[in-house]
Amino acid sequence: MTSPEARKTAAPAIDLSVAKAALWLSVTAFLAVLVLYFVGLDQGATSVFGSNTVIHEFVHDARHLLGFPCH
């Protein structure tokens, strides 16, 4: 049996409603697609940020580690 003092110090239960779960899922999916774009699809010439290759060169080794061909 736990004492009333011990119950007060225990962590409260997490209330995860459907709306909050949908919000977390949406944010997580958006960040995953953003990372996928930068690592897998941004080629420099087809970049949405102009025709430079800064992002491509920054994530170049990660592209090869994850199996994305780039040259």
C-alpha atoms as a PDB file:
ATOM      1  CA  MET A   1       0.000   0.000   0.000  1.00  0.00           C
ATOM      2  CA  THR A   2       1.206   3.458  -0.762  1.00  0.00           C
ATOM      3  CA  SER A   3       0.758   6.359   1.555  1.00  0.00           C
ATOM      4  CA  PRO A   4      -1.126   9.517   0.481  1.00  0.00           C
ATOM      5  CA  GLU A   5       2.170  11.423   0.500  1.00  0.00           C
ATOM      6  CA  ALA A   6       3.711   8.971  -1.970  1.00  0.00           C
ATOM      7  CA  ARG A   7       0.743   9.314  -4.305  1.00  0.00           C
ATOM      8  CA  LYS A   8       1.166  13.100  -4.389  1.00  0.00           C
ATOM      9  CA  THR A   9       4.792  12.846  -5.504  1.00  0.00           C
ATOM     10  CA  ALA A  10       4.128  10.281  -8.241  1.00  0.00           C
ATOM     11  CA  ALA A  11       4.081  11.475 -11.834  1.00  0.00           C
ATOM     12  CA  PRO A  12       0.610  12.372 -13.081  1.00  0.00           C
ATOM     13  CA  ALA A  13      -1.017  10.286 -15.785  1.00  0.00           C
ATOM     14  CA  ILE A  14      -0.586  11.539 -19.332  1.00  0.00           C
ATOM     15  CA  ASP A  15      -3.856  12.690 -20.867  1.00  0.00           C
ATOM     16  CA  LEU A  16      -3.426  12.129 -24.600  1.00  0.00           C
ATOM     17  CA  SER A  17      -6.653  13.048 -26.316  1.00  0.00           C
ATOM     18  CA  VAL A  18      -7.369  12.313 -29.959  1.00  0.00           C
ATOM     19  CA  ALA A  19      -6.846  15.950 -30.972  1.00  0.00           C
ATOM     20  CA  LYS A  20      -3.509  16.152 -29.179  1.00  0.00           C
ATOM     21  CA  ALA A  21      -2.398  12.835 -30.686  1.00  0.00           C
ATOM     22  CA  ALA A  22      -3.361  14.046 -34.164  1.00  0.00           C
ATOM     23  CA  LEU A  23      -1.385  17.251 -33.607  1.00  0.00           C
ATOM     24  CA  TRP A  24       1.717  15.325 -32.517  1.00  0.00           C
ATOM     25  CA  LEU A  25       1.357  12.954 -35.466  1.00  0.00           C
ATOM     26  CA  SER A  26       1.020  15.870 -37.903  1.00  0.00           C
ATOM     27  CA  VAL A  27       4.066  17.689 -36.540  1.00  0.00           C
ATOM     28  CA  THR A  28       6.148  14.514 -36.549  1.00  0.00           C
ATOM     29  CA  ALA A  29       5.123  13.630 -40.113  1.00  0.00           C
ATOM     30  CA  PHE A  30       5.909  17.170 -41.308  1.00  0.00           C
ATOM     31  CA  LEU A  31       9.376  17.079 -39.736  1.00  0.00           C
ATOM     32  CA  ALA A  32      10.027  13.621 -41.211  1.00  0.00           C
ATOM     33  CA  VAL A  33       9.077  14.809 -44.710  1.00  0.00           C
ATOM     34  CA  LEU A  34      11.254  17.897 -44.256  1.00  0.00           C
ATOM     35  CA  VAL A  35      14.258  15.782 -43.262  1.00  0.00           C
ATOM     36  CA  LEU A  36      13.582  13.393 -46.151  1.00  0.00           C
ATOM     37  CA  TYR A  37      13.577  16.326 -48.582  1.00  0.00           C
ATOM     38  CA  PHE A  38      16.833  17.790 -47.329  1.00  0.00           C
ATOM     39  CA  VAL A  39      18.679  14.475 -47.133  1.00  0.00           C
ATOM     40  CA  GLY A  40      17.182  12.622 -50.067  1.00  0.00           C
ATOM     41  CA  LEU A  41      15.784  14.999 -52.635  1.00  0.00           C
ATOM     42  CA  ASP A  42      17.622  18.318 -52.502  1.00  0.00           C
ATOM     43  CA  GLN A  43      20.109  18.073 -55.373  1.00  0.00           C
ATOM     44  CA  GLY A  44      21.248  21.676 -55.606  1.00  0.00           C
ATOM     45  CA  ALA A  45      20.025  22.265 -59.166  1.00  0.00           C
ATOM     46  CA  THR A  46      16.469  21.314 -58.200  1.00  0.00           C
ATOM     47  CA  SER A  47      16.570  22.961 -54.781  1.00  0.00           C
ATOM     48  CA  VAL A  48      13.698  25.171 -53.666  1.00  0.00           C
ATOM     49  CA  PHE A  49      16.313  27.501 -52.165  1.00  0.00           C
ATOM     50  CA  GLY A  50      18.053  28.421 -55.424  1.00  0.00           C
ATOM     51  CA  SER A  51      20.649  26.805 -57.612  1.00  0.00           C
ATOM     52  CA  ASN A  52      23.374  26.412 -54.986  1.00  0.00           C
ATOM     53  CA  THR A  53      24.589  23.120 -53.549  1.00  0.00           C
ATOM     54  CA  VAL A  54      25.115  24.166 -49.927  1.00  0.00           C
ATOM     55  CA  ILE A  55      22.453  21.855 -48.474  1.00  0.00           C
ATOM     56  CA  HIS A  56      23.480  19.010 -50.760  1.00  0.00           C
ATOM     57  CA  GLU A  57      27.099  19.239 -49.654  1.00  0.00           C
ATOM     58  CA  PHE A  58      26.117  19.580 -45.981  1.00  0.00           C
ATOM     59  CA  VAL A  59      24.169  16.293 -45.989  1.00  0.00           C
ATOM     60  CA  HIS A  60      26.305  14.555 -48.633  1.00  0.00           C
ATOM     61  CA  ASP A  61      27.697  11.813 -46.387  1.00  0.00           C
ATOM     62  CA  ALA A  62      24.280  11.164 -44.846  1.00  0.00           C
ATOM     63  CA  ARG A  63      22.887  10.654 -48.349  1.00  0.00           C
ATOM     64  CA  HIS A  64      25.373   7.880 -49.055  1.00  0.00           C
ATOM     65  CA  LEU A  65      24.936   6.363 -45.590  1.00  0.00           C
ATOM     66  CA  LEU A  66      21.163   6.116 -46.162  1.00  0.00           C
ATOM     67  CA  GLY A  67      21.544   4.761 -49.695  1.00  0.00           C
ATOM     68  CA  PHE A  68      20.530   7.820 -51.729  1.00  0.00           C
ATOM     69  CA  PRO A  69      22.574   8.111 -54.934  1.00  0.00           C
ATOM     70  CA  CYS A  70      23.754  11.565 -55.882  1.00  0.00           C
ATOM     71  CA  HIS A  71      26.602  11.145 -58.377  1.00  0.00           C
END
